[in-house]
PDB file of N, CA and C in Angstrom:
ATOM      1  N   MET A   1      89.455 -61.476  56.437  1.00  0.00           N
ATOM      2  CA  MET A   1      90.018 -61.638  57.754  1.00  0.00           C
ATOM      3  C   MET A   1      88.899 -61.699  58.788  1.00  0.00           C
ATOM      4  N   VAL A   2      89.217 -62.345  59.885  1.00  0.00           N
ATOM      5  CA  VAL A   2      88.292 -62.499  60.999  1.00  0.00           C
ATOM      6  C   VAL A   2      88.949 -61.868  62.227  1.00  0.00           C
ATOM      7  N   ARG A   3      88.234 -61.046  62.958  1.00  0.00           N
ATOM      8  CA  ARG A   3      88.753 -60.434  64.177  1.00  0.00           C
ATOM      9  C   ARG A   3      88.405 -61.351  65.353  1.00  0.00           C
ATOM     10  N   VAL A   4      89.445 -61.794  66.082  1.00  0.00           N
ATOM     11  CA  VAL A   4      89.265 -62.630  67.269  1.00  0.00           C
ATOM     12  C   VAL A   4      89.632 -61.782  68.485  1.00  0.00           C
ATOM     13  N   THR A   5      88.676 -61.625  69.388  1.00  0.00           N
ATOM     14  CA  THR A   5      88.873 -60.828  70.589  1.00  0.00           C
ATOM     15  C   THR A   5      88.752 -61.735  71.801  1.00  0.00           C
ATOM     16  N   PHE A   6      89.753 -61.656  72.658  1.00  0.00           N
ATOM     17  CA  PHE A   6      89.749 -62.389  73.916  1.00  0.00           C
ATOM     18  C   PHE A   6      89.412 -61.379  75.009  1.00  0.00           C
ATOM     19  N   THR A   7      88.452 -61.684  75.855  1.00  0.00           N
ATOM     20  CA  THR A   7      88.012 -60.716  76.853  1.00  0.00           C
ATOM     21  C   THR A   7      89.123 -60.381  77.840  1.00  0.00           C
ATOM     22  N   PRO A   8      89.054 -59.202  78.442  1.00  0.00           N
ATOM     23  CA  PRO A   8      90.129 -58.735  79.329  1.00  0.00           C
ATOM     24  C   PRO A   8      90.450 -59.659  80.508  1.00  0.00           C
ATOM     25  N   ASN A   9      89.497 -60.455  80.966  1.00  0.00           N
ATOM     26  CA  ASN A   9      89.797 -61.329  82.104  1.00  0.00           C
ATOM     27  C   ASN A   9      90.893 -62.336  81.761  1.00  0.00           C
ATOM     28  N   LEU A  10      91.070 -62.677  80.493  1.00  0.00           N
ATOM     29  CA  LEU A  10      92.156 -63.578  80.104  1.00  0.00           C
ATOM     30  C   LEU A  10      93.508 -62.865  80.142  1.00  0.00           C
ATOM     31  N   ALA A  11      93.500 -61.542  80.053  1.00  0.00           N
ATOM     32  CA  ALA A  11      94.751 -60.778  80.071  1.00  0.00           C
ATOM     33  C   ALA A  11      95.459 -60.889  81.416  1.00  0.00           C
ATOM     34  N   ARG A  12      94.734 -61.275  82.447  1.00  0.00           N
ATOM     35  CA  ARG A  12      95.375 -61.486  83.753  1.00  0.00           C
ATOM     36  C   ARG A  12      96.375 -62.629  83.690  1.00  0.00           C
ATOM     37  N   HIS A  13      96.179 -63.535  82.750  1.00  0.00           N
ATOM     38  CA  HIS A  13      97.000 -64.736  82.654  1.00  0.00           C
ATOM     39  C   HIS A  13      98.019 -64.679  81.515  1.00  0.00           C
ATOM     40  N   VAL A  14      97.637 -64.065  80.400  1.00  0.00           N
ATOM     41  CA  VAL A  14      98.501 -64.056  79.219  1.00  0.00           C
ATOM     42  C   VAL A  14      98.069 -62.904  78.294  1.00  0.00           C
ATOM     43  N   ALA A  15      99.012 -62.365  77.530  1.00  0.00           N
ATOM     44  CA  ALA A  15      98.686 -61.287  76.595  1.00  0.00           C
ATOM     45  C   ALA A  15      97.564 -61.724  75.669  1.00  0.00           C
ATOM     46  N   SER A  16      96.547 -60.901  75.553  1.00  0.00           N
ATOM     47  CA  SER A  16      95.372 -61.343  74.799  1.00  0.00           C
ATOM     48  C   SER A  16      94.761 -60.237  73.958  1.00  0.00           C
ATOM     49  N   ALA A  17      95.582 -59.410  73.345  1.00  0.00           N
ATOM     50  CA  ALA A  17      95.071 -58.365  72.456  1.00  0.00           C
ATOM     51  C   ALA A  17      94.350 -59.006  71.270  1.00  0.00           C
ATOM     52  N   PRO A  18      93.354 -58.317  70.709  1.00  0.00           N
ATOM     53  CA  PRO A  18      92.660 -58.850  69.533  1.00  0.00           C
ATOM     54  C   PRO A  18      93.630 -59.142  68.398  1.00  0.00           C
ATOM     55  N   VAL A  19      93.253 -60.089  67.552  1.00  0.00           N
ATOM     56  CA  VAL A  19      94.103 -60.482  66.438  1.00  0.00           C
ATOM     57  C   VAL A  19      93.217 -60.720  65.213  1.00  0.00           C
ATOM     58  N   ASP A  20      93.714 -60.368  64.031  1.00  0.00           N
ATOM     59  CA  ASP A  20      93.005 -60.612  62.779  1.00  0.00           C
ATOM     60  C   ASP A  20      93.646 -61.805  62.086  1.00  0.00           C
ATOM     61  N   VAL A  21      92.824 -62.815  61.758  1.00  0.00           N
ATOM     62  CA  VAL A  21      93.324 -64.055  61.173  1.00  0.00           C
ATOM     63  C   VAL A  21      92.401 -64.505  60.043  1.00  0.00           C
ATOM     64  N   SER A  22      92.845 -65.533  59.324  1.00  0.00           N
ATOM     65  CA  SER A  22      92.034 -66.133  58.266  1.00  0.00           C
ATOM     66  C   SER A  22      91.564 -67.508  58.712  1.00  0.00           C
ATOM     67  N   GLY A  23      90.449 -67.949  58.145  1.00  0.00           N
ATOM     68  CA  GLY A  23      89.925 -69.281  58.409  1.00  0.00           C
ATOM     69  C   GLY A  23      88.462 -69.347  58.042  1.00  0.00           C
ATOM     70  N   SER A  24      87.991 -70.553  57.718  1.00  0.00           N
ATOM     71  CA  SER A  24      86.586 -70.707  57.323  1.00  0.00           C
ATOM     72  C   SER A  24      85.769 -71.481  58.343  1.00  0.00           C
ATOM     73  N   SER A  25      86.432 -72.062  59.349  1.00  0.00           N
ATOM     74  CA  SER A  25      85.724 -72.721  60.448  1.00  0.00           C
ATOM     75  C   SER A  25      86.246 -72.147  61.752  1.00  0.00           C
ATOM     76  N   LEU A  26      85.490 -72.329  62.807  1.00  0.00           N
ATOM     77  CA  LEU A  26      85.937 -71.818  64.100  1.00  0.00           C
ATOM     78  C   LEU A  26      87.267 -72.438  64.500  1.00  0.00           C
ATOM     79  N   ARG A  27      87.453 -73.724  64.268  1.00  0.00           N
ATOM     80  CA  ARG A  27      88.720 -74.369  64.612  1.00  0.00           C
ATOM     81  C   ARG A  27      89.888 -73.703  63.864  1.00  0.00           C
ATOM     82  N   GLU A  28      89.737 -73.485  62.554  1.00  0.00           N
ATOM     83  CA  GLU A  28      90.804 -72.845  61.777  1.00  0.00           C
ATOM     84  C   GLU A  28      91.107 -71.448  62.306  1.00  0.00           C
ATOM     85  N   VAL A  29      90.074 -70.701  62.633  1.00  0.00           N
ATOM     86  CA  VAL A  29      90.249 -69.339  63.133  1.00  0.00           C
ATOM     87  C   VAL A  29      90.949 -69.356  64.486  1.00  0.00           C
ATOM     88  N   LEU A  30      90.495 -70.232  65.393  1.00  0.00           N
ATOM     89  CA  LEU A  30      91.133 -70.290  66.710  1.00  0.00           C
ATOM     90  C   LEU A  30      92.585 -70.734  66.613  1.00  0.00           C
ATOM     91  N   GLU A  31      92.864 -71.742  65.796  1.00  0.00           N
ATOM     92  CA  GLU A  31      94.248 -72.208  65.664  1.00  0.00           C
ATOM     93  C   GLU A  31      95.144 -71.098  65.106  1.00  0.00           C
ATOM     94  N   ALA A  32      94.623 -70.319  64.170  1.00  0.00           N
ATOM     95  CA  ALA A  32      95.398 -69.197  63.637  1.00  0.00           C
ATOM     96  C   ALA A  32      95.633 -68.147  64.725  1.00  0.00           C
ATOM     97  N   ALA A  33      94.622 -67.897  65.547  1.00  0.00           N
ATOM     98  CA  ALA A  33      94.769 -66.937  66.645  1.00  0.00           C
ATOM     99  C   ALA A  33      95.787 -67.441  67.666  1.00  0.00           C
ATOM    100  N   PHE A  34      95.781 -68.748  67.934  1.00  0.00           N
ATOM    101  CA  PHE A  34      96.728 -69.305  68.902  1.00  0.00           C
ATOM    102  C   PHE A  34      98.163 -69.261  68.379  1.00  0.00           C
ATOM    103  N   ARG A  35      98.332 -69.287  67.071  1.00  0.00           N
ATOM    104  CA  ARG A  35      99.686 -69.107  66.525  1.00  0.00           C
ATOM    105  C   ARG A  35     100.203 -67.703  66.851  1.00  0.00           C
ATOM    106  N   GLU A  36      99.281 -66.731  66.878  1.00  0.00           N
ATOM    107  CA  GLU A  36      99.638 -65.352  67.217  1.00  0.00           C
ATOM    108  C   GLU A  36      99.736 -65.147  68.732  1.00  0.00           C
ATOM    109  N   ARG A  37      98.910 -65.856  69.479  1.00  0.00           N
ATOM    110  CA  ARG A  37      98.839 -65.736  70.942  1.00  0.00           C
ATOM    111  C   ARG A  37      98.912 -67.135  71.560  1.00  0.00           C
ATOM    112  N   PRO A  38     100.064 -67.820  71.467  1.00  0.00           N
ATOM    113  CA  PRO A  38     100.158 -69.234  71.862  1.00  0.00           C
ATOM    114  C   PRO A  38      99.808 -69.516  73.308  1.00  0.00           C
ATOM    115  N   GLY A  39     100.020 -68.583  74.194  1.00  0.00           N
ATOM    116  CA  GLY A  39      99.710 -68.826  75.598  1.00  0.00           C
ATOM    117  C   GLY A  39      98.237 -68.983  75.888  1.00  0.00           C
ATOM    118  N   LEU A  40      97.372 -68.540  74.991  1.00  0.00           N
ATOM    119  CA  LEU A  40      95.928 -68.626  75.221  1.00  0.00           C
ATOM    120  C   LEU A  40      95.347 -70.012  74.947  1.00  0.00           C
ATOM    121  N   ARG A  41      96.031 -70.813  74.140  1.00  0.00           N
ATOM    122  CA  ARG A  41      95.463 -72.106  73.737  1.00  0.00           C
ATOM    123  C   ARG A  41      95.050 -72.955  74.931  1.00  0.00           C
ATOM    124  N   ASP A  42      95.914 -73.087  75.924  1.00  0.00           N
ATOM    125  CA  ASP A  42      95.606 -73.949  77.068  1.00  0.00           C
ATOM    126  C   ASP A  42      94.509 -73.387  77.963  1.00  0.00           C
ATOM    127  N   TYR A  43      94.255 -72.092  77.896  1.00  0.00           N
ATOM    128  CA  TYR A  43      93.148 -71.524  78.658  1.00  0.00           C
ATOM    129  C   TYR A  43      91.814 -71.745  77.958  1.00  0.00           C
ATOM    130  N   VAL A  44      91.853 -71.859  76.628  1.00  0.00           N
ATOM    131  CA  VAL A  44      90.620 -71.948  75.843  1.00  0.00           C
ATOM    132  C   VAL A  44      90.246 -73.390  75.511  1.00  0.00           C
ATOM    133  N   LEU A  45      91.231 -74.203  75.111  1.00  0.00           N
ATOM    134  CA  LEU A  45      90.970 -75.585  74.702  1.00  0.00           C
ATOM    135  C   LEU A  45      91.576 -76.567  75.693  1.00  0.00           C
ATOM    136  N   ASP A  46      90.927 -77.735  75.838  1.00  0.00           N
ATOM    137  CA  ASP A  46      91.481 -78.773  76.702  1.00  0.00           C
ATOM    138  C   ASP A  46      92.488 -79.613  75.915  1.00  0.00           C
ATOM    139  N   ASP A  47      93.029 -80.658  76.555  1.00  0.00           N
ATOM    140  CA  ASP A  47      94.052 -81.489  75.907  1.00  0.00           C
ATOM    141  C   ASP A  47      93.544 -82.199  74.658  1.00  0.00           C
ATOM    142  N   GLY A  48      92.229 -82.415  74.561  1.00  0.00           N
ATOM    143  CA  GLY A  48      91.641 -83.059  73.393  1.00  0.00           C
ATOM    144  C   GLY A  48      91.255 -82.079  72.298  1.00  0.00           C
ATOM    145  N   GLY A  49      91.543 -80.787  72.491  1.00  0.00           N
ATOM    146  CA  GLY A  49      91.211 -79.788  71.482  1.00  0.00           C
ATOM    147  C   GLY A  49      89.782 -79.299  71.547  1.00  0.00           C
ATOM    148  N   ARG A  50      89.066 -79.653  72.605  1.00  0.00           N
ATOM    149  CA  ARG A  50      87.671 -79.207  72.783  1.00  0.00           C
ATOM    150  C   ARG A  50      87.655 -77.913  73.585  1.00  0.00           C
ATOM    151  N   LEU A  51      86.610 -77.136  73.384  1.00  0.00           N
ATOM    152  CA  LEU A  51      86.439 -75.912  74.147  1.00  0.00           C
ATOM    153  C   LEU A  51      86.264 -76.271  75.618  1.00  0.00           C
ATOM    154  N   ARG A  52      87.044 -75.650  76.482  1.00  0.00           N
ATOM    155  CA  ARG A  52      86.940 -75.927  77.918  1.00  0.00           C
ATOM    156  C   ARG A  52      85.554 -75.556  78.426  1.00  0.00           C
ATOM    157  N   ARG A  53      85.136 -76.259  79.450  1.00  0.00           N
ATOM    158  CA  ARG A  53      83.795 -76.103  80.010  1.00  0.00           C
ATOM    159  C   ARG A  53      83.533 -74.668  80.474  1.00  0.00           C
ATOM    160  N   HIS A  54      84.548 -73.990  80.986  1.00  0.00           N
ATOM    161  CA  HIS A  54      84.361 -72.643  81.527  1.00  0.00           C
ATOM    162  C   HIS A  54      84.544 -71.535  80.481  1.00  0.00           C
ATOM    163  N   MET A  55      84.648 -71.908  79.209  1.00  0.00           N
ATOM    164  CA  MET A  55      84.824 -70.915  78.145  1.00  0.00           C
ATOM    165  C   MET A  55      83.561 -70.831  77.286  1.00  0.00           C
ATOM    166  N   SER A  56      83.323 -69.648  76.736  1.00  0.00           N
ATOM    167  CA  SER A  56      82.236 -69.433  75.782  1.00  0.00           C
ATOM    168  C   SER A  56      82.812 -68.711  74.573  1.00  0.00           C
ATOM    169  N   VAL A  57      82.275 -69.045  73.396  1.00  0.00           N
ATOM    170  CA  VAL A  57      82.701 -68.385  72.158  1.00  0.00           C
ATOM    171  C   VAL A  57      81.455 -67.902  71.427  1.00  0.00           C
ATOM    172  N   PHE A  58      81.507 -66.658  70.994  1.00  0.00           N
ATOM    173  CA  PHE A  58      80.420 -66.064  70.225  1.00  0.00           C
ATOM    174  C   PHE A  58      80.968 -65.621  68.878  1.00  0.00           C
ATOM    175  N   VAL A  59      80.195 -65.879  67.834  1.00  0.00           N
ATOM    176  CA  VAL A  59      80.540 -65.453  66.487  1.00  0.00           C
ATOM    177  C   VAL A  59      79.446 -64.497  66.029  1.00  0.00           C
ATOM    178  N   ASP A  60      79.825 -63.263  65.770  1.00  0.00           N
ATOM    179  CA  ASP A  60      78.863 -62.233  65.377  1.00  0.00           C
ATOM    180  C   ASP A  60      77.668 -62.184  66.329  1.00  0.00           C
ATOM    181  N   GLY A  61      77.963 -62.292  67.625  1.00  0.00           N
ATOM    182  CA  GLY A  61      76.929 -62.164  68.646  1.00  0.00           C
ATOM    183  C   GLY A  61      76.136 -63.422  68.953  1.00  0.00           C
ATOM    184  N   ARG A  62      76.431 -64.538  68.286  1.00  0.00           N
ATOM    185  CA  ARG A  62      75.695 -65.788  68.520  1.00  0.00           C
ATOM    186  C   ARG A  62      76.640 -66.815  69.108  1.00  0.00           C
ATOM    187  N   GLN A  63      76.172 -67.473  70.183  1.00  0.00           N
ATOM    188  CA  GLN A  63      77.000 -68.492  70.822  1.00  0.00           C
ATOM    189  C   GLN A  63      77.157 -69.691  69.894  1.00  0.00           C
ATOM    190  N   ILE A  64      78.372 -70.247  69.849  1.00  0.00           N
ATOM    191  CA  ILE A  64      78.630 -71.374  68.945  1.00  0.00           C
ATOM    192  C   ILE A  64      77.841 -72.601  69.375  1.00  0.00           C
ATOM    193  N   ALA A  65      77.586 -73.489  68.414  1.00  0.00           N
ATOM    194  CA  ALA A  65      76.813 -74.693  68.673  1.00  0.00           C
ATOM    195  C   ALA A  65      77.703 -75.889  68.994  1.00  0.00           C
ATOM    196  N   ASP A  66      78.830 -76.018  68.337  1.00  0.00           N
ATOM    197  CA  ASP A  66      79.676 -77.205  68.469  1.00  0.00           C
ATOM    198  C   ASP A  66      80.909 -76.898  69.310  1.00  0.00           C
ATOM    199  N   ARG A  67      80.945 -77.400  70.541  1.00  0.00           N
ATOM    200  CA  ARG A  67      82.064 -77.156  71.452  1.00  0.00           C
ATOM    201  C   ARG A  67      83.150 -78.223  71.331  1.00  0.00           C
ATOM    202  N   VAL A  68      82.914 -79.258  70.525  1.00  0.00           N
ATOM    203  CA  VAL A  68      83.865 -80.369  70.396  1.00  0.00           C
ATOM    204  C   VAL A  68      84.660 -80.244  69.094  1.00  0.00           C
ATOM    205  N   ARG A  69      83.968 -80.290  67.953  1.00  0.00           N
ATOM    206  CA  ARG A  69      84.648 -80.221  66.653  1.00  0.00           C
ATOM    207  C   ARG A  69      85.000 -78.787  66.270  1.00  0.00           C
ATOM    208  N   LEU A  70      84.261 -77.827  66.836  1.00  0.00           N
ATOM    209  CA  LEU A  70      84.462 -76.404  66.524  1.00  0.00           C
ATOM    210  C   LEU A  70      84.370 -76.156  65.026  1.00  0.00           C
ATOM    211  N   ASP A  71      83.349 -76.783  64.422  1.00  0.00           N
ATOM    212  CA  ASP A  71      83.223 -76.689  62.965  1.00  0.00           C
ATOM    213  C   ASP A  71      82.207 -75.641  62.501  1.00  0.00           C
ATOM    214  N   ASP A  72      81.805 -74.742  63.392  1.00  0.00           N
ATOM    215  CA  ASP A  72      80.916 -73.660  62.973  1.00  0.00           C
ATOM    216  C   ASP A  72      81.579 -72.891  61.826  1.00  0.00           C
ATOM    217  N   GLU A  73      80.806 -72.583  60.806  1.00  0.00           N
ATOM    218  CA  GLU A  73      81.330 -71.852  59.652  1.00  0.00           C
ATOM    219  C   GLU A  73      81.565 -70.393  60.031  1.00  0.00           C
ATOM    220  N   ILE A  74      82.681 -69.853  59.585  1.00  0.00           N
ATOM    221  CA  ILE A  74      83.031 -68.465  59.874  1.00  0.00           C
ATOM    222  C   ILE A  74      83.165 -67.720  58.552  1.00  0.00           C
ATOM    223  N   ARG A  75      82.438 -66.636  58.420  1.00  0.00           N
ATOM    224  CA  ARG A  75      82.499 -65.834  57.191  1.00  0.00           C
ATOM    225  C   ARG A  75      83.613 -64.803  57.309  1.00  0.00           C
ATOM    226  N   ASP A  76      84.142 -64.411  56.177  1.00  0.00           N
ATOM    227  CA  ASP A  76      85.148 -63.355  56.148  1.00  0.00           C
ATOM    228  C   ASP A  76      84.525 -62.090  56.722  1.00  0.00           C
ATOM    229  N   GLY A  77      85.231 -61.399  57.595  1.00  0.00           N
ATOM    230  CA  GLY A  77      84.722 -60.194  58.227  1.00  0.00           C
ATOM    231  C   GLY A  77      83.998 -60.449  59.540  1.00  0.00           C
ATOM    232  N   ALA A  78      83.907 -61.708  59.953  1.00  0.00           N
ATOM    233  CA  ALA A  78      83.210 -62.048  61.197  1.00  0.00           C
ATOM    234  C   ALA A  78      83.994 -61.552  62.407  1.00  0.00           C
ATOM    235  N   GLU A  79      83.291 -61.433  63.531  1.00  0.00           N
ATOM    236  CA  GLU A  79      83.904 -61.085  64.802  1.00  0.00           C
ATOM    237  C   GLU A  79      83.685 -62.249  65.768  1.00  0.00           C
ATOM    238  N   VAL A  80      84.773 -62.776  66.306  1.00  0.00           N
ATOM    239  CA  VAL A  80      84.735 -63.903  67.230  1.00  0.00           C
ATOM    240  C   VAL A  80      85.153 -63.389  68.602  1.00  0.00           C
ATOM    241  N   TYR A  81      84.337 -63.676  69.618  1.00  0.00           N
ATOM    242  CA  TYR A  81      84.648 -63.280  70.986  1.00  0.00           C
ATOM    243  C   TYR A  81      84.827 -64.528  71.840  1.00  0.00           C
ATOM    244  N   VAL A  82      85.964 -64.597  72.520  1.00  0.00           N
ATOM    245  CA  VAL A  82      86.279 -65.730  73.386  1.00  0.00           C
ATOM    246  C   VAL A  82      86.290 -65.201  74.825  1.00  0.00           C
ATOM    247  N   MET A  83      85.495 -65.824  75.693  1.00  0.00           N
ATOM    248  CA  MET A  83      85.403 -65.341  77.070  1.00  0.00           C
ATOM    249  C   MET A  83      85.199 -66.461  78.058  1.00  0.00           C
ATOM    250  N   GLN A  84      85.513 -66.180  79.299  1.00  0.00           N
ATOM    251  CA  GLN A  84      85.233 -67.149  80.347  1.00  0.00           C
ATOM    252  C   GLN A  84      83.759 -67.079  80.663  1.00  0.00           C
ATOM    253  N   ALA A  85      83.137 -68.256  80.792  1.00  0.00           N
ATOM    254  CA  ALA A  85      81.734 -68.314  81.155  1.00  0.00           C
ATOM    255  C   ALA A  85      81.596 -67.986  82.645  1.00  0.00           C
ATOM    256  N   LEU A  86      80.547 -67.295  83.001  1.00  0.00           N
ATOM    257  CA  LEU A  86      80.297 -66.960  84.394  1.00  0.00           C
ATOM    258  C   LEU A  86      79.147 -67.796  84.918  1.00  0.00           C
ATOM    259  N   SER A  87      79.279 -68.196  86.156  1.00  0.00           N
ATOM    260  CA  SER A  87      78.174 -68.947  86.783  1.00  0.00           C
ATOM    261  C   SER A  87      78.107 -68.534  88.240  1.00  0.00           C
ATOM    262  N   GLY A  88      77.093 -68.961  88.884  1.00  0.00           N
ATOM    263  CA  GLY A  88      76.931 -68.628  90.299  1.00  0.00           C
ATOM    264  C   GLY A  88      75.556 -68.092  90.566  1.00  0.00           C
ATOM    265  N   GLY A  89      75.386 -67.622  91.754  1.00  0.00           N
ATOM    266  CA  GLY A  89      74.048 -67.153  92.100  1.00  0.00           C
ATOM    267  C   GLY A  89      74.062 -65.954  92.963  1.00  0.00           C
TER     268      GLY A  89
END
């Protein structure tokens, strides 16, 4: 199983408690998490299924490389963190 955690700032918009899911790629893991938390999909992915520009995803503390295909490999027992990216000065 993979633990997917959505940061608390997303809870302002939709229930976003952590969820444990199965999958071997980031896309599979996220889609499984969205089945459990369907309201989060539109906040995280755009209409084309790509990671939205204002979102960041980390797997075991490392930022993902592919924001389009989301094909980063995910190992069993991994921790995935989904958060809004911050910018400004």
